[in-house]
Amino acid sequence: MTTSPARSSFRALGTTVVMAVTDPAHLVEVERIVHRCVTELDQAASRFRPDSELAAVQAAGGRPVVVSDVLFEAVEQAVEAARVTGGLVDPTVGTVMEIIGYDRDFSEVAPTGPPVRATLAAVPGWRAVRLDPRRRTVSVPSGVRLDLGATAKAGCADRAAARAGASTGVGVLVSLGGDLAVAGEAPDGGWAIRVADRHDAGPDDPSVTVAVAGGGLATSGTGARRWQRGGRLVHHLVDPHTGRPADTCWRTVTVAAPTCLEANRASTAAVILGRAAPAWLTGLGLHARLVAEDGSVTGVGEWPEDRLTPASPDRLVRS
């Protein structure tokens, strides 16, 4: 007798966390594991909580601070993302985020506001972050503020899925705001994931349904988290080289990779990179869907073509 996958969700980290399991009998245990992983990340790495470990690091005036394994890993992953993307995805954009208005949970960010008065310039850069693995310390120069943002959430999805899969022995999917990781044996035919330009896309909107059998899938874009300051549209994907929201031709980029973290750093970098992104992603051997501001779609690798209505999965994405 076969069973259908079961799923549940909750709100955390300013987004929706979704869990799915191949055996419904293990859903409660998976929920417990995912809740714990998300709570640990929030307490360690939130830039909106004055009591987070990250806040303590930034208040230390450049002195090394002993941190938890969770924060050390999150900072380490953010620095690695900056290194492998040539600085396109950089954690030292925290001050810019605050200046342009993203200084609290996005649900509380005012949709309109006065013009940005501060001068925006290149961010300090990821090399300013100091990590000591032996002592498990993190330090940043005085005045440097980190935004671990998407890479931390993607790493959390990987970690939660791996823990839940190992604990239950069943197939598990964990999604944090649409960035997802899977572990264990997937359902027959893979986890069916509909990819559209927006998470709230209607059934008649162009989309493609892919079957994820392993690894991770991540989407980055400027469409969902955008607001206005002084009548000018701004968004949360900052180009570290200019210190400004990226001037990009892409509305969203979705990437499949061996892990959610790898998919996320590639999708974010691709948005910031702009027109050179398809060739860059091709060079990395990744499969991706890039949606331009006019709604046109560019596929990279073996990414299947969009359909007008949801359909059976077109392709298995494996790690």
C-alpha atoms as a PDB file:
ATOM      1  CA  MET A   1       0.000   0.000   0.000  1.00  0.00           C
ATOM      2  CA  THR A   2       1.368   3.418  -0.961  1.00  0.00           C
ATOM      3  CA  THR A   3       0.653   6.683   0.792  1.00  0.00           C
ATOM      4  CA  SER A   4       0.460  10.190  -0.602  1.00  0.00           C
ATOM      5  CA  PRO A   5       2.888  12.850   0.625  1.00  0.00           C
ATOM      6  CA  ALA A   6       1.643  15.086   3.430  1.00  0.00           C
ATOM      7  CA  ARG A   7       2.555  18.714   4.032  1.00  0.00           C
ATOM      8  CA  SER A   8       2.209  21.533   6.533  1.00  0.00           C
ATOM      9  CA  SER A   9       3.443  25.109   6.894  1.00  0.00           C
ATOM     10  CA  PHE A  10       4.070  27.929   9.353  1.00  0.00           C
ATOM     11  CA  ARG A  11       5.307  31.526   9.293  1.00  0.00           C
ATOM     12  CA  ALA A  12       8.860  32.350  10.371  1.00  0.00           C
ATOM     13  CA  LEU A  13      11.837  34.473   9.307  1.00  0.00           C
ATOM     14  CA  GLY A  14       9.478  36.833   7.508  1.00  0.00           C
ATOM     15  CA  THR A  15       8.350  34.133   5.104  1.00  0.00           C
ATOM     16  CA  THR A  16       6.411  30.873   4.819  1.00  0.00           C
ATOM     17  CA  VAL A  17       8.094  27.616   5.804  1.00  0.00           C
ATOM     18  CA  VAL A  18       6.679  24.528   4.082  1.00  0.00           C
ATOM     19  CA  MET A  19       7.431  20.908   4.930  1.00  0.00           C
ATOM     20  CA  ALA A  20       6.407  17.774   3.052  1.00  0.00           C
ATOM     21  CA  VAL A  21       7.049  14.092   3.756  1.00  0.00           C
ATOM     22  CA  THR A  22       6.511  10.923   1.773  1.00  0.00           C
ATOM     23  CA  ASP A  23       5.070   9.188   4.853  1.00  0.00           C
ATOM     24  CA  PRO A  24       2.421  11.249   6.730  1.00  0.00           C
ATOM     25  CA  ALA A  25       3.169   9.327   9.938  1.00  0.00           C
ATOM     26  CA  HIS A  26       6.424  11.299  10.249  1.00  0.00           C
ATOM     27  CA  LEU A  27       5.065  14.775   9.557  1.00  0.00           C
ATOM     28  CA  VAL A  28       4.895  15.818  13.226  1.00  0.00           C
ATOM     29  CA  GLU A  29       8.512  14.817  13.814  1.00  0.00           C
ATOM     30  CA  VAL A  30       9.632  16.676  10.704  1.00  0.00           C
ATOM     31  CA  GLU A  31       7.721  19.769  11.858  1.00  0.00           C
ATOM     32  CA  ARG A  32       9.533  19.622  15.197  1.00  0.00           C
ATOM     33  CA  ILE A  33      12.959  19.370  13.562  1.00  0.00           C
ATOM     34  CA  VAL A  34      12.283  22.169  11.084  1.00  0.00           C
ATOM     35  CA  HIS A  35      10.871  24.437  13.829  1.00  0.00           C
ATOM     36  CA  ARG A  36      14.044  23.941  15.833  1.00  0.00           C
ATOM     37  CA  CYS A  37      16.342  24.684  12.888  1.00  0.00           C
ATOM     38  CA  VAL A  38      14.442  27.850  12.001  1.00  0.00           C
ATOM     39  CA  THR A  39      14.342  29.056  15.609  1.00  0.00           C
ATOM     40  CA  GLU A  40      18.087  28.480  15.995  1.00  0.00           C
ATOM     41  CA  LEU A  41      18.770  30.511  12.871  1.00  0.00           C
ATOM     42  CA  ASP A  42      16.522  33.373  13.962  1.00  0.00           C
ATOM     43  CA  GLN A  43      18.192  33.609  17.374  1.00  0.00           C
ATOM     44  CA  ALA A  44      21.646  33.458  15.832  1.00  0.00           C
ATOM     45  CA  ALA A  45      21.522  35.438  12.602  1.00  0.00           C
ATOM     46  CA  SER A  46      18.569  37.849  12.578  1.00  0.00           C
ATOM     47  CA  ARG A  47      19.551  41.443  11.801  1.00  0.00           C
ATOM     48  CA  PHE A  48      16.189  42.602  13.174  1.00  0.00           C
ATOM     49  CA  ARG A  49      16.609  41.190  16.700  1.00  0.00           C
ATOM     50  CA  PRO A  50      18.688  43.230  19.153  1.00  0.00           C
ATOM     51  CA  ASP A  51      19.274  40.042  21.171  1.00  0.00           C
ATOM     52  CA  SER A  52      20.627  37.949  18.277  1.00  0.00           C
ATOM     53  CA  GLU A  53      24.207  36.701  18.172  1.00  0.00           C
ATOM     54  CA  LEU A  54      24.730  38.697  14.989  1.00  0.00           C
ATOM     55  CA  ALA A  55      23.817  41.894  16.838  1.00  0.00           C
ATOM     56  CA  ALA A  56      26.452  41.065  19.471  1.00  0.00           C
ATOM     57  CA  VAL A  57      29.114  40.561  16.795  1.00  0.00           C
ATOM     58  CA  GLN A  58      28.292  43.908  15.191  1.00  0.00           C
ATOM     59  CA  ALA A  59      28.328  45.696  18.556  1.00  0.00           C
ATOM     60  CA  ALA A  60      31.762  44.344  19.493  1.00  0.00           C
ATOM     61  CA  GLY A  61      33.720  47.119  17.777  1.00  0.00           C
ATOM     62  CA  GLY A  62      35.822  44.729  15.730  1.00  0.00           C
ATOM     63  CA  ARG A  63      36.655  42.373  18.591  1.00  0.00           C
ATOM     64  CA  PRO A  64      36.286  38.624  17.923  1.00  0.00           C
ATOM     65  CA  VAL A  65      33.120  37.129  19.430  1.00  0.00           C
ATOM     66  CA  VAL A  66      32.647  33.446  20.214  1.00  0.00           C
ATOM     67  CA  VAL A  67      29.458  32.345  18.481  1.00  0.00           C
ATOM     68  CA  SER A  68      27.303  29.247  18.100  1.00  0.00           C
ATOM     69  CA  ASP A  69      27.885  26.661  15.412  1.00  0.00           C
ATOM     70  CA  VAL A  70      24.727  27.948  13.701  1.00  0.00           C
ATOM     71  CA  LEU A  71      25.950  31.537  13.307  1.00  0.00           C
ATOM     72  CA  PHE A  72      29.509  30.528  12.463  1.00  0.00           C
ATOM     73  CA  GLU A  73      28.244  28.288   9.668  1.00  0.00           C
ATOM     74  CA  ALA A  74      25.874  30.979   8.380  1.00  0.00           C
ATOM     75  CA  VAL A  75      28.655  33.581   8.210  1.00  0.00           C
ATOM     76  CA  GLU A  76      31.067  31.065   6.700  1.00  0.00           C
ATOM     77  CA  GLN A  77      28.526  30.181   4.001  1.00  0.00           C
ATOM     78  CA  ALA A  78      27.885  33.860   3.253  1.00  0.00           C
ATOM     79  CA  VAL A  79      31.605  34.557   2.879  1.00  0.00           C
ATOM     80  CA  GLU A  80      31.996  31.517   0.629  1.00  0.00           C
ATOM     81  CA  ALA A  81      29.073  32.711  -1.500  1.00  0.00           C
ATOM     82  CA  ALA A  82      30.865  36.031  -1.958  1.00  0.00           C
ATOM     83  CA  ARG A  83      34.103  34.305  -2.874  1.00  0.00           C
ATOM     84  CA  VAL A  84      32.665  31.942  -5.489  1.00  0.00           C
ATOM     85  CA  THR A  85      30.484  34.640  -7.100  1.00  0.00           C
ATOM     86  CA  GLY A  86      33.308  37.148  -7.375  1.00  0.00           C
ATOM     87  CA  GLY A  87      31.697  39.397  -4.790  1.00  0.00           C
ATOM     88  CA  LEU A  88      28.266  39.546  -6.448  1.00  0.00           C
ATOM     89  CA  VAL A  89      26.640  38.065  -3.339  1.00  0.00           C
ATOM     90  CA  ASP A  90      28.235  39.845  -0.381  1.00  0.00           C
ATOM     91  CA  PRO A  91      27.147  39.789   3.293  1.00  0.00           C
ATOM     92  CA  THR A  92      28.451  43.300   4.084  1.00  0.00           C
ATOM     93  CA  VAL A  93      25.411  45.011   2.507  1.00  0.00           C
ATOM     94  CA  GLY A  94      23.636  45.371   5.862  1.00  0.00           C
ATOM     95  CA  THR A  95      24.135  49.128   6.181  1.00  0.00           C
ATOM     96  CA  VAL A  96      22.831  49.718   2.643  1.00  0.00           C
ATOM     97  CA  MET A  97      19.735  47.647   3.442  1.00  0.00           C
ATOM     98  CA  GLU A  98      19.017  49.867   6.416  1.00  0.00           C
ATOM     99  CA  ILE A  99      19.589  53.082   4.469  1.00  0.00           C
ATOM    100  CA  ILE A 100      17.151  52.123   1.701  1.00  0.00           C
ATOM    101  CA  GLY A 101      14.471  51.196   4.242  1.00  0.00           C
ATOM    102  CA  TYR A 102      14.767  47.432   4.734  1.00  0.00           C
ATOM    103  CA  ASP A 103      15.556  47.752   8.435  1.00  0.00           C
ATOM    104  CA  ARG A 104      12.848  45.489   9.853  1.00  0.00           C
ATOM    105  CA  ASP A 105      10.790  42.444   8.914  1.00  0.00           C
ATOM    106  CA  PHE A 106       9.596  43.055   5.364  1.00  0.00           C
ATOM    107  CA  SER A 107       5.940  42.924   6.391  1.00  0.00           C
ATOM    108  CA  GLU A 108       6.625  46.077   8.443  1.00  0.00           C
ATOM    109  CA  VAL A 109       8.591  47.990   5.789  1.00  0.00           C
ATOM    110  CA  ALA A 110       6.687  51.114   4.703  1.00  0.00           C
ATOM    111  CA  PRO A 111       5.729  50.781   1.002  1.00  0.00           C
ATOM    112  CA  THR A 112       6.560  54.464   0.407  1.00  0.00           C
ATOM    113  CA  GLY A 113       8.849  56.962   2.113  1.00  0.00           C
ATOM    114  CA  PRO A 114      11.093  60.009   1.702  1.00  0.00           C
ATOM    115  CA  PRO A 115      14.109  60.010  -0.615  1.00  0.00           C
ATOM    116  CA  VAL A 116      17.319  58.338   0.489  1.00  0.00           C
ATOM    117  CA  ARG A 117      19.602  61.151   1.677  1.00  0.00           C
ATOM    118  CA  ALA A 118      22.748  59.138   2.399  1.00  0.00           C
ATOM    119  CA  THR A 119      25.474  58.649  -0.192  1.00  0.00           C
ATOM    120  CA  LEU A 120      25.544  55.056  -1.428  1.00  0.00           C
ATOM    121  CA  ALA A 121      28.869  53.540  -2.468  1.00  0.00           C
ATOM    122  CA  ALA A 122      30.551  50.141  -2.761  1.00  0.00           C
ATOM    123  CA  VAL A 123      30.091  48.025   0.371  1.00  0.00           C
ATOM    124  CA  PRO A 124      33.079  47.169   2.639  1.00  0.00           C
ATOM    125  CA  GLY A 125      33.378  43.721   1.082  1.00  0.00           C
ATOM    126  CA  TRP A 126      33.419  40.166   2.369  1.00  0.00           C
ATOM    127  CA  ARG A 127      37.163  40.181   3.062  1.00  0.00           C
ATOM    128  CA  ALA A 128      36.424  42.464   6.014  1.00  0.00           C
ATOM    129  CA  VAL A 129      34.803  39.510   7.806  1.00  0.00           C
ATOM    130  CA  ARG A 130      37.203  37.552  10.014  1.00  0.00           C
ATOM    131  CA  LEU A 131      36.525  33.921  10.931  1.00  0.00           C
ATOM    132  CA  ASP A 132      38.542  31.762  13.320  1.00  0.00           C
ATOM    133  CA  PRO A 133      37.332  28.140  13.016  1.00  0.00           C
ATOM    134  CA  ARG A 134      39.521  26.910  15.882  1.00  0.00           C
ATOM    135  CA  ARG A 135      38.126  29.403  18.384  1.00  0.00           C
ATOM    136  CA  ARG A 136      34.765  29.647  16.574  1.00  0.00           C
ATOM    137  CA  THR A 137      34.874  33.436  16.554  1.00  0.00           C
ATOM    138  CA  VAL A 138      33.528  36.028  14.136  1.00  0.00           C
ATOM    139  CA  SER A 139      34.582  39.666  13.911  1.00  0.00           C
ATOM    140  CA  VAL A 140      33.726  42.576  11.642  1.00  0.00           C
ATOM    141  CA  PRO A 141      35.170  46.102  11.659  1.00  0.00           C
ATOM    142  CA  SER A 142      33.293  48.718  13.630  1.00  0.00           C
ATOM    143  CA  GLY A 143      30.398  50.070  11.576  1.00  0.00           C
ATOM    144  CA  VAL A 144      30.157  47.071   9.248  1.00  0.00           C
ATOM    145  CA  ARG A 145      26.739  45.446   9.346  1.00  0.00           C
ATOM    146  CA  LEU A 146      26.006  42.038   7.876  1.00  0.00           C
ATOM    147  CA  ASP A 147      22.937  40.817   6.034  1.00  0.00           C
ATOM    148  CA  LEU A 148      23.155  37.025   5.902  1.00  0.00           C
ATOM    149  CA  GLY A 149      19.706  37.029   4.347  1.00  0.00           C
ATOM    150  CA  ALA A 150      19.006  34.511   1.652  1.00  0.00           C
ATOM    151  CA  THR A 151      22.141  32.376   1.990  1.00  0.00           C
ATOM    152  CA  ALA A 152      21.334  31.752   5.659  1.00  0.00           C
ATOM    153  CA  LYS A 153      17.774  30.703   4.838  1.00  0.00           C
ATOM    154  CA  ALA A 154      18.957  28.450   2.015  1.00  0.00           C
ATOM    155  CA  GLY A 155      21.546  26.842   4.284  1.00  0.00           C
ATOM    156  CA  CYS A 156      18.844  26.356   6.895  1.00  0.00           C
ATOM    157  CA  ALA A 157      16.633  24.579   4.342  1.00  0.00           C
ATOM    158  CA  ASP A 158      19.513  22.222   3.511  1.00  0.00           C
ATOM    159  CA  ARG A 159      20.255  21.595   7.187  1.00  0.00           C
ATOM    160  CA  ALA A 160      16.620  21.045   8.192  1.00  0.00           C
ATOM    161  CA  ALA A 161      15.923  18.660   5.310  1.00  0.00           C
ATOM    162  CA  ALA A 162      19.078  16.638   6.028  1.00  0.00           C
ATOM    163  CA  ARG A 163      18.290  16.386   9.746  1.00  0.00           C
ATOM    164  CA  ALA A 164      14.667  15.467   9.159  1.00  0.00           C
ATOM    165  CA  GLY A 165      15.527  12.900   6.510  1.00  0.00           C
ATOM    166  CA  ALA A 166      18.181  11.271   8.696  1.00  0.00           C
ATOM    167  CA  SER A 167      15.883  11.197  11.727  1.00  0.00           C
ATOM    168  CA  THR A 168      12.815   9.771  10.004  1.00  0.00           C
ATOM    169  CA  GLY A 169      14.285   7.717   7.178  1.00  0.00           C
ATOM    170  CA  VAL A 170      11.639   9.021   4.760  1.00  0.00           C
ATOM    171  CA  GLY A 171      11.630  11.492   1.919  1.00  0.00           C
ATOM    172  CA  VAL A 172      11.509  15.108   3.082  1.00  0.00           C
ATOM    173  CA  LEU A 173      11.093  18.485   1.394  1.00  0.00           C
ATOM    174  CA  VAL A 174      11.731  21.768   3.234  1.00  0.00           C
ATOM    175  CA  SER A 175      11.003  25.148   1.656  1.00  0.00           C
ATOM    176  CA  LEU A 176      11.812  28.548   3.158  1.00  0.00           C
ATOM    177  CA  GLY A 177      10.075  31.189   1.107  1.00  0.00           C
ATOM    178  CA  GLY A 178      10.241  29.041  -2.027  1.00  0.00           C
ATOM    179  CA  ASP A 179      13.906  28.097  -1.686  1.00  0.00           C
ATOM    180  CA  LEU A 180      13.794  24.368  -1.110  1.00  0.00           C
ATOM    181  CA  ALA A 181      15.916  21.359  -0.275  1.00  0.00           C
ATOM    182  CA  VAL A 182      15.038  17.686  -0.381  1.00  0.00           C
ATOM    183  CA  ALA A 183      16.474  14.674   1.406  1.00  0.00           C
ATOM    184  CA  GLY A 184      15.814  10.960   1.430  1.00  0.00           C
ATOM    185  CA  GLU A 185      13.928   9.072  -1.256  1.00  0.00           C
ATOM    186  CA  ALA A 186      11.610  11.294  -3.253  1.00  0.00           C
ATOM    187  CA  PRO A 187       8.039  10.244  -4.176  1.00  0.00           C
ATOM    188  CA  ASP A 188       7.590   8.286  -7.391  1.00  0.00           C
ATOM    189  CA  GLY A 189       8.336  10.733 -10.187  1.00  0.00           C
ATOM    190  CA  GLY A 190       9.964  13.248  -7.829  1.00  0.00           C
ATOM    191  CA  TRP A 191       8.591  16.185  -5.848  1.00  0.00           C
ATOM    192  CA  ALA A 192       6.397  18.175  -8.264  1.00  0.00           C
ATOM    193  CA  ILE A 193       7.279  21.873  -7.941  1.00  0.00           C
ATOM    194  CA  ARG A 194       5.493  24.532  -9.951  1.00  0.00           C
ATOM    195  CA  VAL A 195       7.794  27.430 -10.858  1.00  0.00           C
ATOM    196  CA  ALA A 196       6.181  30.716 -11.901  1.00  0.00           C
ATOM    197  CA  ASP A 197       7.165  34.363 -11.904  1.00  0.00           C
ATOM    198  CA  ARG A 198       5.494  34.897  -8.514  1.00  0.00           C
ATOM    199  CA  HIS A 199       4.678  32.556  -5.638  1.00  0.00           C
ATOM    200  CA  ASP A 200       1.011  33.674  -5.838  1.00  0.00           C
ATOM    201  CA  ALA A 201       0.696  33.131  -9.590  1.00  0.00           C
ATOM    202  CA  GLY A 202      -2.734  32.033 -10.776  1.00  0.00           C
ATOM    203  CA  PRO A 203      -3.451  28.750 -12.555  1.00  0.00           C
ATOM    204  CA  ASP A 204      -3.548  30.445 -15.967  1.00  0.00           C
ATOM    205  CA  ASP A 205      -0.208  32.230 -15.572  1.00  0.00           C
ATOM    206  CA  PRO A 206       2.783  30.869 -17.514  1.00  0.00           C
ATOM    207  CA  SER A 207       4.739  28.377 -15.470  1.00  0.00           C
ATOM    208  CA  VAL A 208       6.540  25.089 -15.553  1.00  0.00           C
ATOM    209  CA  THR A 209       6.278  22.153 -13.173  1.00  0.00           C
ATOM    210  CA  VAL A 210       9.558  20.374 -12.529  1.00  0.00           C
ATOM    211  CA  ALA A 211      10.161  17.186 -10.596  1.00  0.00           C
ATOM    212  CA  VAL A 212      12.858  17.599  -7.969  1.00  0.00           C
ATOM    213  CA  ALA A 213      14.437  14.285  -7.021  1.00  0.00           C
ATOM    214  CA  GLY A 214      17.447  15.616  -5.119  1.00  0.00           C
ATOM    215  CA  GLY A 215      19.431  18.701  -4.258  1.00  0.00           C
ATOM    216  CA  GLY A 216      17.840  22.136  -4.113  1.00  0.00           C
ATOM    217  CA  LEU A 217      15.932  24.770  -6.013  1.00  0.00           C
ATOM    218  CA  ALA A 218      16.026  28.528  -5.349  1.00  0.00           C
ATOM    219  CA  THR A 219      14.455  31.659  -6.787  1.00  0.00           C
ATOM    220  CA  SER A 220      15.759  35.205  -6.419  1.00  0.00           C
ATOM    221  CA  GLY A 221      14.140  38.308  -7.818  1.00  0.00           C
ATOM    222  CA  THR A 222      13.120  41.912  -7.526  1.00  0.00           C
ATOM    223  CA  GLY A 223       9.371  41.500  -7.932  1.00  0.00           C
ATOM    224  CA  ALA A 224       8.228  40.402  -4.497  1.00  0.00           C
ATOM    225  CA  ARG A 225      10.308  42.603  -2.166  1.00  0.00           C
ATOM    226  CA  ARG A 226      10.229  46.089  -3.591  1.00  0.00           C
ATOM    227  CA  TRP A 227       9.112  49.450  -2.217  1.00  0.00           C
ATOM    228  CA  GLN A 228       9.480  53.171  -2.968  1.00  0.00           C
ATOM    229  CA  ARG A 229      11.657  55.883  -1.498  1.00  0.00           C
ATOM    230  CA  GLY A 230      11.212  59.415  -2.824  1.00  0.00           C
ATOM    231  CA  GLY A 231       9.061  58.073  -5.649  1.00  0.00           C
ATOM    232  CA  ARG A 232      11.832  55.746  -6.831  1.00  0.00           C
ATOM    233  CA  LEU A 233      11.429  51.987  -6.853  1.00  0.00           C
ATOM    234  CA  VAL A 234      13.968  50.067  -4.772  1.00  0.00           C
ATOM    235  CA  HIS A 235      14.396  46.368  -4.023  1.00  0.00           C
ATOM    236  CA  HIS A 236      16.403  44.138  -1.700  1.00  0.00           C
ATOM    237  CA  LEU A 237      19.022  42.738  -4.096  1.00  0.00           C
ATOM    238  CA  VAL A 238      21.957  45.104  -3.727  1.00  0.00           C
ATOM    239  CA  ASP A 239      24.883  45.239  -6.129  1.00  0.00           C
ATOM    240  CA  PRO A 240      27.889  45.262  -3.740  1.00  0.00           C
ATOM    241  CA  HIS A 241      30.010  47.115  -6.284  1.00  0.00           C
ATOM    242  CA  THR A 242      27.697  50.152  -6.324  1.00  0.00           C
ATOM    243  CA  GLY A 243      25.944  49.884  -2.968  1.00  0.00           C
ATOM    244  CA  ARG A 244      22.611  50.331  -4.758  1.00  0.00           C
ATOM    245  CA  PRO A 245      19.723  48.023  -5.640  1.00  0.00           C
ATOM    246  CA  ALA A 246      20.902  46.123  -8.707  1.00  0.00           C
ATOM    247  CA  ASP A 247      20.013  47.648 -12.078  1.00  0.00           C
ATOM    248  CA  THR A 248      19.012  44.353 -13.637  1.00  0.00           C
ATOM    249  CA  CYS A 249      17.079  43.069 -16.627  1.00  0.00           C
ATOM    250  CA  TRP A 250      15.748  40.072 -14.682  1.00  0.00           C
ATOM    251  CA  ARG A 251      12.598  40.001 -12.588  1.00  0.00           C
ATOM    252  CA  THR A 252      13.266  36.513 -11.247  1.00  0.00           C
ATOM    253  CA  VAL A 253      15.874  33.789 -11.652  1.00  0.00           C
ATOM    254  CA  THR A 254      15.311  30.184 -10.578  1.00  0.00           C
ATOM    255  CA  VAL A 255      18.229  27.759 -10.372  1.00  0.00           C
ATOM    256  CA  ALA A 256      18.508  24.026  -9.671  1.00  0.00           C
ATOM    257  CA  ALA A 257      21.738  22.891  -7.982  1.00  0.00           C
ATOM    258  CA  PRO A 258      23.129  20.104  -5.779  1.00  0.00           C
ATOM    259  CA  THR A 259      22.102  22.090  -2.663  1.00  0.00           C
ATOM    260  CA  CYS A 260      19.654  24.879  -1.909  1.00  0.00           C
ATOM    261  CA  LEU A 261      22.567  27.049  -0.802  1.00  0.00           C
ATOM    262  CA  GLU A 262      24.354  26.648  -4.137  1.00  0.00           C
ATOM    263  CA  ALA A 263      21.114  27.307  -6.007  1.00  0.00           C
ATOM    264  CA  ASN A 264      20.442  30.445  -3.974  1.00  0.00           C
ATOM    265  CA  ARG A 265      23.845  32.033  -4.393  1.00  0.00           C
ATOM    266  CA  ALA A 266      23.714  31.341  -8.140  1.00  0.00           C
ATOM    267  CA  SER A 267      20.201  32.746  -8.561  1.00  0.00           C
ATOM    268  CA  THR A 268      21.024  35.887  -6.553  1.00  0.00           C
ATOM    269  CA  ALA A 269      24.275  36.451  -8.409  1.00  0.00           C
ATOM    270  CA  ALA A 270      22.502  35.972 -11.737  1.00  0.00           C
ATOM    271  CA  VAL A 271      19.959  38.709 -10.980  1.00  0.00           C
ATOM    272  CA  ILE A 272      22.741  41.145 -10.065  1.00  0.00           C
ATOM    273  CA  LEU A 273      24.911  40.096 -13.025  1.00  0.00           C
ATOM    274  CA  GLY A 274      22.193  41.025 -15.515  1.00  0.00           C
ATOM    275  CA  ARG A 275      22.532  40.215 -19.211  1.00  0.00           C
ATOM    276  CA  ALA A 276      25.680  38.151 -18.730  1.00  0.00           C
ATOM    277  CA  ALA A 277      23.838  35.750 -16.415  1.00  0.00           C
ATOM    278  CA  PRO A 278      22.774  33.058 -18.934  1.00  0.00           C
ATOM    279  CA  ALA A 279      26.329  32.524 -20.153  1.00  0.00           C
ATOM    280  CA  TRP A 280      27.626  32.578 -16.567  1.00  0.00           C
ATOM    281  CA  LEU A 281      25.095  29.955 -15.442  1.00  0.00           C
ATOM    282  CA  THR A 282      25.823  27.833 -18.507  1.00  0.00           C
ATOM    283  CA  GLY A 283      29.508  27.896 -17.640  1.00  0.00           C
ATOM    284  CA  LEU A 284      28.660  26.523 -14.194  1.00  0.00           C
ATOM    285  CA  GLY A 285      26.649  23.682 -15.732  1.00  0.00           C
ATOM    286  CA  LEU A 286      23.451  24.735 -13.972  1.00  0.00           C
ATOM    287  CA  HIS A 287      19.818  24.562 -15.083  1.00  0.00           C
ATOM    288  CA  ALA A 288      17.908  27.809 -14.702  1.00  0.00           C
ATOM    289  CA  ARG A 289      14.841  29.862 -15.642  1.00  0.00           C
ATOM    290  CA  LEU A 290      15.333  33.616 -16.059  1.00  0.00           C
ATOM    291  CA  VAL A 291      12.338  35.933 -16.383  1.00  0.00           C
ATOM    292  CA  ALA A 292      12.961  39.391 -17.860  1.00  0.00           C
ATOM    293  CA  GLU A 293      11.111  42.536 -16.798  1.00  0.00           C
ATOM    294  CA  ASP A 294       8.888  42.215 -19.876  1.00  0.00           C
ATOM    295  CA  GLY A 295       7.892  38.677 -18.846  1.00  0.00           C
ATOM    296  CA  SER A 296       9.919  36.835 -21.484  1.00  0.00           C
ATOM    297  CA  VAL A 297      11.582  33.654 -20.275  1.00  0.00           C
ATOM    298  CA  THR A 298      15.103  32.404 -20.972  1.00  0.00           C
ATOM    299  CA  GLY A 299      16.002  28.815 -20.166  1.00  0.00           C
ATOM    300  CA  VAL A 300      19.521  27.640 -19.349  1.00  0.00           C
ATOM    301  CA  GLY A 301      20.726  24.052 -19.512  1.00  0.00           C
ATOM    302  CA  GLU A 302      17.924  21.513 -19.656  1.00  0.00           C
ATOM    303  CA  TRP A 303      15.307  23.748 -18.072  1.00  0.00           C
ATOM    304  CA  PRO A 304      11.944  22.902 -19.740  1.00  0.00           C
ATOM    305  CA  GLU A 305       9.780  25.445 -21.530  1.00  0.00           C
ATOM    306  CA  ASP A 306       6.954  27.230 -19.714  1.00  0.00           C
ATOM    307  CA  ARG A 307       3.388  26.050 -20.104  1.00  0.00           C
ATOM    308  CA  LEU A 308       0.169  28.043 -19.967  1.00  0.00           C
ATOM    309  CA  THR A 309      -1.269  25.794 -17.266  1.00  0.00           C
ATOM    310  CA  PRO A 310       0.270  23.538 -14.619  1.00  0.00           C
ATOM    311  CA  ALA A 311       1.159  20.136 -16.000  1.00  0.00           C
ATOM    312  CA  SER A 312       2.846  16.926 -15.031  1.00  0.00           C
ATOM    313  CA  PRO A 313       6.522  17.355 -14.180  1.00  0.00           C
ATOM    314  CA  ASP A 314       8.693  17.836 -17.248  1.00  0.00           C
ATOM    315  CA  ARG A 315      12.094  17.006 -15.879  1.00  0.00           C
ATOM    316  CA  LEU A 316      13.773  15.412 -12.902  1.00  0.00           C
ATOM    317  CA  VAL A 317      16.267  17.674 -11.149  1.00  0.00           C
ATOM    318  CA  ARG A 318      18.853  15.527  -9.370  1.00  0.00           C
ATOM    319  CA  SER A 319      21.760  16.418  -7.140  1.00  0.00           C
END
